[in-house]
PDB file of N, CA and C in Angstrom:
ATOM      1  N   MET A   1       0.719  -0.974  -0.249  1.00  0.00           N
ATOM      2  CA  MET A   1       0.031  -0.261  -0.124  1.00  0.00           C
ATOM      3  C   MET A   1       0.650   1.226  -0.330  1.00  0.00           C
ATOM      4  N   ALA A   2       2.227   0.990   0.536  1.00  0.00           N
ATOM      5  CA  ALA A   2       2.963   2.650   0.693  1.00  0.00           C
ATOM      6  C   ALA A   2       2.864   3.025  -0.718  1.00  0.00           C
ATOM      7  N   SER A   3       3.208   2.005  -1.766  1.00  0.00           N
ATOM      8  CA  SER A   3       4.228   2.145  -2.758  1.00  0.00           C
ATOM      9  C   SER A   3       3.071   3.186  -3.846  1.00  0.00           C
ATOM     10  N   PHE A   4       1.354   2.651  -3.122  1.00  0.00           N
ATOM     11  CA  PHE A   4      -0.043   2.933  -4.708  1.00  0.00           C
ATOM     12  C   PHE A   4       0.331   5.364  -3.803  1.00  0.00           C
ATOM     13  N   GLU A   5       0.519   4.953  -2.087  1.00  0.00           N
ATOM     14  CA  GLU A   5       0.237   6.412  -1.787  1.00  0.00           C
ATOM     15  C   GLU A   5       1.084   7.445  -1.536  1.00  0.00           C
ATOM     16  N   SER A   6       2.918   6.517  -2.616  1.00  0.00           N
ATOM     17  CA  SER A   6       3.520   7.377  -2.789  1.00  0.00           C
ATOM     18  C   SER A   6       3.629   7.455  -4.307  1.00  0.00           C
ATOM     19  N   ASN A   7       2.837   6.892  -5.175  1.00  0.00           N
ATOM     20  CA  ASN A   7       2.622   7.455  -7.211  1.00  0.00           C
ATOM     21  C   ASN A   7       1.685   8.448  -6.600  1.00  0.00           C
ATOM     22  N   GLU A   8       0.166   8.272  -5.468  1.00  0.00           N
ATOM     23  CA  GLU A   8      -0.361   9.384  -5.808  1.00  0.00           C
ATOM     24  C   GLU A   8      -0.408  10.316  -5.702  1.00  0.00           C
ATOM     25  N   ARG A   9       0.900  10.264  -4.301  1.00  0.00           N
ATOM     26  CA  ARG A   9       1.311  11.999  -4.165  1.00  0.00           C
ATOM     27  C   ARG A   9       1.796  12.157  -5.181  1.00  0.00           C
ATOM     28  N   LEU A  10       2.938  11.622  -6.163  1.00  0.00           N
ATOM     29  CA  LEU A  10       3.272  12.051  -6.647  1.00  0.00           C
ATOM     30  C   LEU A  10       2.945  12.441  -7.900  1.00  0.00           C
ATOM     31  N   MET A  11       1.461  12.013  -8.455  1.00  0.00           N
ATOM     32  CA  MET A  11       0.782  12.378  -9.724  1.00  0.00           C
ATOM     33  C   MET A  11      -0.038  13.858  -8.953  1.00  0.00           C
ATOM     34  N   ILE A  12       0.433  13.966  -7.677  1.00  0.00           N
ATOM     35  CA  ILE A  12      -0.949  14.685  -7.328  1.00  0.00           C
ATOM     36  C   ILE A  12       0.301  16.093  -7.449  1.00  0.00           C
ATOM     37  N   VAL A  13       0.772  15.849  -7.003  1.00  0.00           N
ATOM     38  CA  VAL A  13       2.511  17.288  -7.567  1.00  0.00           C
ATOM     39  C   VAL A  13       2.277  17.434  -9.187  1.00  0.00           C
ATOM     40  N   LEU A  14       2.582  16.489  -9.341  1.00  0.00           N
ATOM     41  CA  LEU A  14       2.688  16.379 -11.320  1.00  0.00           C
ATOM     42  C   LEU A  14       1.414  17.471 -11.366  1.00  0.00           C
ATOM     43  N   ILE A  15       0.823  16.739 -11.736  1.00  0.00           N
ATOM     44  CA  ILE A  15      -0.468  17.334 -11.590  1.00  0.00           C
ATOM     45  C   ILE A  15      -0.272  19.674 -11.543  1.00  0.00           C
ATOM     46  N   CYS A  16       0.036  19.464  -9.777  1.00  0.00           N
ATOM     47  CA  CYS A  16      -0.031  21.220  -9.746  1.00  0.00           C
ATOM     48  C   CYS A  16       1.211  21.278 -10.135  1.00  0.00           C
ATOM     49  N   VAL A  17       2.348  21.192 -10.026  1.00  0.00           N
ATOM     50  CA  VAL A  17       3.553  21.612 -10.386  1.00  0.00           C
ATOM     51  C   VAL A  17       3.708  21.891 -11.742  1.00  0.00           C
ATOM     52  N   VAL A  18       3.213  20.818 -13.146  1.00  0.00           N
ATOM     53  CA  VAL A  18       3.993  21.029 -14.071  1.00  0.00           C
ATOM     54  C   VAL A  18       3.329  22.393 -14.849  1.00  0.00           C
ATOM     55  N   PRO A  19       1.674  22.725 -14.616  1.00  0.00           N
ATOM     56  CA  PRO A  19       1.039  23.517 -15.889  1.00  0.00           C
ATOM     57  C   PRO A  19       1.928  24.910 -14.418  1.00  0.00           C
ATOM     58  N   PHE A  20       2.566  25.304 -13.155  1.00  0.00           N
ATOM     59  CA  PHE A  20       3.037  26.476 -12.819  1.00  0.00           C
ATOM     60  C   PHE A  20       4.411  26.574 -12.886  1.00  0.00           C
ATOM     61  N   ALA A  21       4.719  25.793 -13.572  1.00  0.00           N
ATOM     62  CA  ALA A  21       6.045  25.485 -14.387  1.00  0.00           C
ATOM     63  C   ALA A  21       6.319  26.233 -15.741  1.00  0.00           C
ATOM     64  N   ALA A  22       4.930  25.370 -16.323  1.00  0.00           N
ATOM     65  CA  ALA A  22       4.645  25.682 -17.848  1.00  0.00           C
ATOM     66  C   ALA A  22       4.525  27.301 -17.816  1.00  0.00           C
ATOM     67  N   LEU A  23       3.711  27.673 -17.133  1.00  0.00           N
ATOM     68  CA  LEU A  23       3.784  29.153 -17.253  1.00  0.00           C
ATOM     69  C   LEU A  23       5.077  30.388 -16.646  1.00  0.00           C
ATOM     70  N   LEU A  24       5.401  29.630 -15.809  1.00  0.00           N
ATOM     71  CA  LEU A  24       6.940  30.444 -15.200  1.00  0.00           C
ATOM     72  C   LEU A  24       7.839  30.422 -16.666  1.00  0.00           C
ATOM     73  N   TYR A  25       7.737  28.980 -17.438  1.00  0.00           N
ATOM     74  CA  TYR A  25       8.204  28.857 -18.907  1.00  0.00           C
ATOM     75  C   TYR A  25       8.107  30.279 -19.585  1.00  0.00           C
ATOM     76  N   CYS A  26       6.957  30.322 -19.569  1.00  0.00           N
ATOM     77  CA  CYS A  26       5.969  30.982 -20.818  1.00  0.00           C
ATOM     78  C   CYS A  26       6.638  32.202 -20.648  1.00  0.00           C
ATOM     79  N   GLY A  27       6.005  33.099 -19.399  1.00  0.00           N
ATOM     80  CA  GLY A  27       6.827  34.327 -19.078  1.00  0.00           C
ATOM     81  C   GLY A  27       8.051  34.480 -19.120  1.00  0.00           C
ATOM     82  N   LEU A  28       9.230  33.275 -19.376  1.00  0.00           N
ATOM     83  CA  LEU A  28      10.386  34.053 -19.088  1.00  0.00           C
ATOM     84  C   LEU A  28      10.358  33.978 -20.541  1.00  0.00           C
ATOM     85  N   VAL A  29      10.115  33.296 -21.302  1.00  0.00           N
ATOM     86  CA  VAL A  29      10.723  33.484 -22.360  1.00  0.00           C
ATOM     87  C   VAL A  29       9.617  34.702 -23.473  1.00  0.00           C
ATOM     88  N   ILE A  30       8.519  34.679 -23.231  1.00  0.00           N
ATOM     89  CA  ILE A  30       7.780  36.016 -23.219  1.00  0.00           C
ATOM     90  C   ILE A  30       8.786  37.451 -22.914  1.00  0.00           C
ATOM     91  N   GLY A  31       8.639  37.224 -21.649  1.00  0.00           N
ATOM     92  CA  GLY A  31       9.470  38.125 -21.096  1.00  0.00           C
ATOM     93  C   GLY A  31      11.351  38.890 -21.874  1.00  0.00           C
ATOM     94  N   THR A  32      11.884  37.287 -21.826  1.00  0.00           N
ATOM     95  CA  THR A  32      13.648  37.792 -22.975  1.00  0.00           C
ATOM     96  C   THR A  32      12.804  38.267 -24.431  1.00  0.00           C
ATOM     97  N   LEU A  33      12.310  37.525 -24.969  1.00  0.00           N
ATOM     98  CA  LEU A  33      11.468  37.934 -26.259  1.00  0.00           C
ATOM     99  C   LEU A  33      11.568  39.700 -26.340  1.00  0.00           C
ATOM    100  N   LEU A  34      11.051  40.264 -25.257  1.00  0.00           N
ATOM    101  CA  LEU A  34      10.272  41.438 -25.136  1.00  0.00           C
ATOM    102  C   LEU A  34      12.142  42.039 -24.852  1.00  0.00           C
ATOM    103  N   SER A  35      12.314  41.973 -23.916  1.00  0.00           N
ATOM    104  CA  SER A  35      13.589  43.036 -23.265  1.00  0.00           C
ATOM    105  C   SER A  35      14.659  42.883 -23.778  1.00  0.00           C
ATOM    106  N   VAL A  36      15.033  41.665 -24.363  1.00  0.00           N
ATOM    107  CA  VAL A  36      17.067  41.849 -24.628  1.00  0.00           C
ATOM    108  C   VAL A  36      16.709  42.041 -25.861  1.00  0.00           C
ATOM    109  N   PRO A  37      17.222  42.876 -26.030  1.00  0.00           N
ATOM    110  CA  PRO A  37      17.492  43.513 -27.809  1.00  0.00           C
ATOM    111  C   PRO A  37      18.458  42.290 -28.637  1.00  0.00           C
ATOM    112  N   TYR A  38      19.054  41.781 -28.438  1.00  0.00           N
ATOM    113  CA  TYR A  38      19.494  40.445 -29.730  1.00  0.00           C
ATOM    114  C   TYR A  38      18.251  39.799 -29.429  1.00  0.00           C
ATOM    115  N   VAL A  39      17.521  39.317 -28.971  1.00  0.00           N
ATOM    116  CA  VAL A  39      16.876  38.350 -28.508  1.00  0.00           C
ATOM    117  C   VAL A  39      15.739  38.587 -29.790  1.00  0.00           C
ATOM    118  N   LYS A  40      15.602  40.356 -29.667  1.00  0.00           N
ATOM    119  CA  LYS A  40      14.807  40.750 -30.388  1.00  0.00           C
ATOM    120  C   LYS A  40      14.450  40.518 -31.593  1.00  0.00           C
ATOM    121  N   ALA A  41      15.915  40.401 -31.610  1.00  0.00           N
ATOM    122  CA  ALA A  41      16.137  40.921 -33.665  1.00  0.00           C
ATOM    123  C   ALA A  41      16.496  39.921 -33.868  1.00  0.00           C
ATOM    124  N   HIS A  42      17.174  38.709 -33.479  1.00  0.00           N
ATOM    125  CA  HIS A  42      16.470  37.210 -33.961  1.00  0.00           C
ATOM    126  C   HIS A  42      15.982  36.335 -32.921  1.00  0.00           C
ATOM    127  N   SER A  43      14.242  36.802 -33.226  1.00  0.00           N
ATOM    128  CA  SER A  43      13.307  36.134 -32.203  1.00  0.00           C
ATOM    129  C   SER A  43      13.115  34.981 -32.803  1.00  0.00           C
ATOM    130  N   PHE A  44      13.622  34.405 -34.412  1.00  0.00           N
ATOM    131  CA  PHE A  44      13.010  33.184 -35.120  1.00  0.00           C
ATOM    132  C   PHE A  44      14.163  32.203 -34.606  1.00  0.00           C
ATOM    133  N   ILE A  45      15.159  32.229 -34.595  1.00  0.00           N
ATOM    134  CA  ILE A  45      15.785  31.432 -34.154  1.00  0.00           C
ATOM    135  C   ILE A  45      15.846  31.185 -33.074  1.00  0.00           C
ATOM    136  N   PHE A  46      15.410  31.727 -31.888  1.00  0.00           N
ATOM    137  CA  PHE A  46      15.519  32.266 -30.384  1.00  0.00           C
ATOM    138  C   PHE A  46      14.305  31.334 -29.978  1.00  0.00           C
ATOM    139  N   GLY A  47      13.528  31.934 -30.792  1.00  0.00           N
ATOM    140  CA  GLY A  47      11.842  30.911 -30.900  1.00  0.00           C
ATOM    141  C   GLY A  47      12.712  29.526 -31.097  1.00  0.00           C
ATOM    142  N   GLY A  48      12.355  29.006 -32.188  1.00  0.00           N
ATOM    143  CA  GLY A  48      13.321  27.940 -32.412  1.00  0.00           C
ATOM    144  C   GLY A  48      13.663  27.421 -30.811  1.00  0.00           C
ATOM    145  N   ILE A  49      15.243  28.103 -30.340  1.00  0.00           N
ATOM    146  CA  ILE A  49      15.094  27.224 -29.284  1.00  0.00           C
ATOM    147  C   ILE A  49      14.405  26.633 -28.099  1.00  0.00           C
ATOM    148  N   PHE A  50      13.709  28.067 -27.386  1.00  0.00           N
ATOM    149  CA  PHE A  50      12.790  27.914 -26.887  1.00  0.00           C
ATOM    150  C   PHE A  50      12.225  26.593 -26.749  1.00  0.00           C
ATOM    151  N   ALA A  51      11.551  26.708 -28.106  1.00  0.00           N
ATOM    152  CA  ALA A  51      10.244  25.262 -28.248  1.00  0.00           C
ATOM    153  C   ALA A  51      11.446  23.991 -27.909  1.00  0.00           C
ATOM    154  N   LEU A  52      12.629  23.988 -28.625  1.00  0.00           N
ATOM    155  CA  LEU A  52      13.110  22.809 -27.608  1.00  0.00           C
ATOM    156  C   LEU A  52      13.560  22.256 -26.925  1.00  0.00           C
ATOM    157  N   ILE A  53      13.685  23.759 -26.469  1.00  0.00           N
ATOM    158  CA  ILE A  53      14.026  23.273 -24.877  1.00  0.00           C
ATOM    159  C   ILE A  53      13.426  21.931 -24.216  1.00  0.00           C
ATOM    160  N   PRO A  54      12.164  22.573 -24.193  1.00  0.00           N
ATOM    161  CA  PRO A  54      10.452  21.484 -23.101  1.00  0.00           C
ATOM    162  C   PRO A  54      10.846  19.839 -24.095  1.00  0.00           C
ATOM    163  N   LEU A  55      10.488  20.037 -25.494  1.00  0.00           N
ATOM    164  CA  LEU A  55      10.963  19.149 -26.237  1.00  0.00           C
ATOM    165  C   LEU A  55      11.834  18.232 -26.208  1.00  0.00           C
ATOM    166  N   VAL A  56      12.892  18.353 -25.960  1.00  0.00           N
ATOM    167  CA  VAL A  56      13.964  17.532 -25.115  1.00  0.00           C
ATOM    168  C   VAL A  56      14.585  17.423 -23.951  1.00  0.00           C
ATOM    169  N   THR A  57      13.471  18.134 -23.150  1.00  0.00           N
ATOM    170  CA  THR A  57      13.736  17.461 -21.629  1.00  0.00           C
ATOM    171  C   THR A  57      12.098  16.882 -21.512  1.00  0.00           C
ATOM    172  N   GLY A  58      11.791  17.256 -21.725  1.00  0.00           N
ATOM    173  CA  GLY A  58       9.974  15.768 -21.893  1.00  0.00           C
ATOM    174  C   GLY A  58       9.938  14.570 -22.361  1.00  0.00           C
ATOM    175  N   ALA A  59      11.274  14.554 -23.881  1.00  0.00           N
ATOM    176  CA  ALA A  59      12.211  13.275 -24.698  1.00  0.00           C
ATOM    177  C   ALA A  59      12.884  12.770 -23.308  1.00  0.00           C
ATOM    178  N   ALA A  60      13.686  13.595 -22.753  1.00  0.00           N
ATOM    179  CA  ALA A  60      14.255  13.246 -21.994  1.00  0.00           C
ATOM    180  C   ALA A  60      14.157  12.517 -20.722  1.00  0.00           C
ATOM    181  N   ILE A  61      13.084  12.606 -19.792  1.00  0.00           N
ATOM    182  CA  ILE A  61      12.033  12.155 -18.941  1.00  0.00           C
ATOM    183  C   ILE A  61      11.428  10.907 -19.224  1.00  0.00           C
ATOM    184  N   TRP A  62      10.978  10.977 -20.638  1.00  0.00           N
ATOM    185  CA  TRP A  62      10.248  10.034 -20.750  1.00  0.00           C
ATOM    186  C   TRP A  62      11.413   9.209 -21.220  1.00  0.00           C
ATOM    187  N   ILE A  63      12.144   8.996 -21.989  1.00  0.00           N
ATOM    188  CA  ILE A  63      13.051   7.583 -22.985  1.00  0.00           C
ATOM    189  C   ILE A  63      13.846   7.793 -21.220  1.00  0.00           C
ATOM    190  N   GLY A  64      14.191   8.297 -20.284  1.00  0.00           N
ATOM    191  CA  GLY A  64      15.101   7.876 -19.068  1.00  0.00           C
ATOM    192  C   GLY A  64      15.426   6.220 -18.522  1.00  0.00           C
ATOM    193  N   PRO A  65      13.560   6.511 -18.401  1.00  0.00           N
ATOM    194  CA  PRO A  65      13.468   4.748 -17.410  1.00  0.00           C
ATOM    195  C   PRO A  65      14.272   3.610 -18.561  1.00  0.00           C
ATOM    196  N   PHE A  66      13.479   3.623 -19.624  1.00  0.00           N
ATOM    197  CA  PHE A  66      13.862   2.891 -20.797  1.00  0.00           C
ATOM    198  C   PHE A  66      15.626   2.761 -20.843  1.00  0.00           C
ATOM    199  N   ARG A  67      16.211   3.454 -20.924  1.00  0.00           N
ATOM    200  CA  ARG A  67      17.437   3.038 -20.877  1.00  0.00           C
ATOM    201  C   ARG A  67      18.385   2.410 -19.579  1.00  0.00           C
ATOM    202  N   ARG A  68      19.719   1.695 -20.293  1.00  0.00           N
ATOM    203  CA  ARG A  68      19.718   0.750 -20.207  1.00  0.00           C
ATOM    204  C   ARG A  68      21.685   1.052 -19.128  1.00  0.00           C
TER     205      ARG A  68
END
C-alpha cells in the first residue's frame, strides 16, 4: 500500500506543479523576447531554441527509464 500512496502523491504533485512550471517558462520566454534587444532581433532563431528546450527535456524524461 505504501507504493500506491507514494505514486498517488507523486501524481498530485505533478498535476499541480507542471502547469505552473509551464506558465513560468512561458513568462520567461515572452519576457526575454520582449526585453533583450539581441533576442528581439533574432526572434525566429531564439523562438526555435525556446521551443526545443521543453521538447528535449520531455523526451529525456520519457525515454530515461527505458535506457539501460
